[in-house]
Amino acid sequence: MLTTFKWLGTILQLAGSAMVALHLVWSGWGFPVMLAGAIVWGAIAIAARDWALAALQIVFSILNVIGIWRWLL
C-alpha cells in the first residue's frame, strides 16, 4: 500500500511540474496538483519518520501555496 502512495505522490508532482513548465492557460492548475503530491509525500515521510523528507515537503507545500495565490490574483 505504501508503494502505491509513493507512486501517486510521484505522478502528481511530475504532472504538476509539467503543467507549470508548459506555461499554457491552464498551467496554474499545476500548483494545486503539485501541492497534492507534496501532501502525499509528506504523509509518507511522517509515517516513515523520515524528518528530512517531511521538512522538504512542508517547505515545498508552502511554496506551492504561494504559487497558487499568485495564480489566483
Protein backbone atom coordinates (compact mmCIF):
# COMPACT_ATOMS: atom_id res chain seq x y z
CA MET A 1 0.00 0.00 0.00
CA LEU A 2 2.83 2.41 0.82
CA THR A 3 4.32 1.78 -2.63
CA THR A 4 1.02 2.85 -4.21
CA PHE A 5 1.09 6.14 -2.32
CA LYS A 6 4.72 6.72 -3.29
CA TRP A 7 3.79 6.33 -6.95
CA LEU A 8 0.74 8.56 -6.50
CA GLY A 9 2.87 11.32 -4.96
CA THR A 10 5.47 10.96 -7.70
CA ILE A 11 2.92 11.09 -10.51
CA LEU A 12 1.14 14.10 -9.01
CA GLN A 13 4.36 16.05 -8.61
CA LEU A 14 5.62 15.20 -12.09
CA ALA A 15 2.27 16.07 -13.68
CA GLY A 16 2.05 19.35 -11.77
CA SER A 17 5.60 20.30 -12.71
CA ALA A 18 4.91 19.55 -16.37
CA MET A 19 1.73 21.63 -16.26
CA VAL A 20 3.60 24.64 -14.86
CA ALA A 21 6.52 24.20 -17.26
CA LEU A 22 4.25 24.18 -20.31
CA HIS A 23 3.13 27.71 -19.40
CA LEU A 24 -0.28 27.42 -21.03
CA VAL A 25 -3.59 29.00 -19.98
CA TRP A 26 -4.36 26.14 -17.58
CA SER A 27 -0.79 25.89 -16.23
CA GLY A 28 -1.85 27.47 -12.94
CA TRP A 29 -3.58 24.19 -12.09
CA GLY A 30 -0.13 22.65 -11.82
CA PHE A 31 0.37 24.26 -8.42
CA PRO A 32 -2.60 22.51 -6.75
CA VAL A 33 -1.56 19.22 -8.39
CA MET A 34 2.00 19.60 -7.05
CA LEU A 35 0.58 20.56 -3.64
CA ALA A 36 -1.44 17.34 -3.57
CA GLY A 37 1.72 15.38 -4.38
CA ALA A 38 3.65 17.18 -1.65
CA ILE A 39 0.92 16.37 0.87
CA VAL A 40 1.04 12.68 -0.12
CA TRP A 41 4.84 12.62 0.18
CA GLY A 42 4.67 14.50 3.48
CA ALA A 43 2.31 11.87 4.90
CA ILE A 44 4.63 9.11 3.68
CA ALA A 45 7.62 10.84 5.27
CA ILE A 46 5.84 11.25 8.61
CA ALA A 47 4.71 7.61 8.57
CA ALA A 48 8.29 6.52 7.85
CA ARG A 49 9.68 9.01 10.42
CA ASP A 50 11.90 10.49 7.72
CA TRP A 51 12.06 14.01 9.13
CA ALA A 52 14.35 15.41 6.44
CA LEU A 53 11.87 14.41 3.71
CA ALA A 54 8.96 15.69 5.82
CA ALA A 55 10.68 19.08 6.23
CA LEU A 56 11.31 19.26 2.48
CA GLN A 57 7.66 18.55 1.69
CA ILE A 58 6.45 21.13 4.21
CA VAL A 59 8.62 23.81 2.59
CA PHE A 60 7.56 22.64 -0.87
CA SER A 61 3.90 22.82 0.18
CA ILE A 62 4.33 26.39 1.42
CA LEU A 63 5.96 27.39 -1.87
CA ASN A 64 3.09 25.76 -3.79
CA VAL A 65 0.52 27.69 -1.76
CA ILE A 66 2.39 30.91 -2.64
CA GLY A 67 2.25 29.83 -6.30
CA ILE A 68 -1.49 29.18 -6.03
CA TRP A 69 -2.05 32.65 -4.51
CA ARG A 70 -0.06 34.29 -7.31
CA TRP A 71 -2.14 32.43 -9.88
CA LEU A 72 -5.42 33.43 -8.28
CA LEU A 73 -4.53 37.13 -8.01
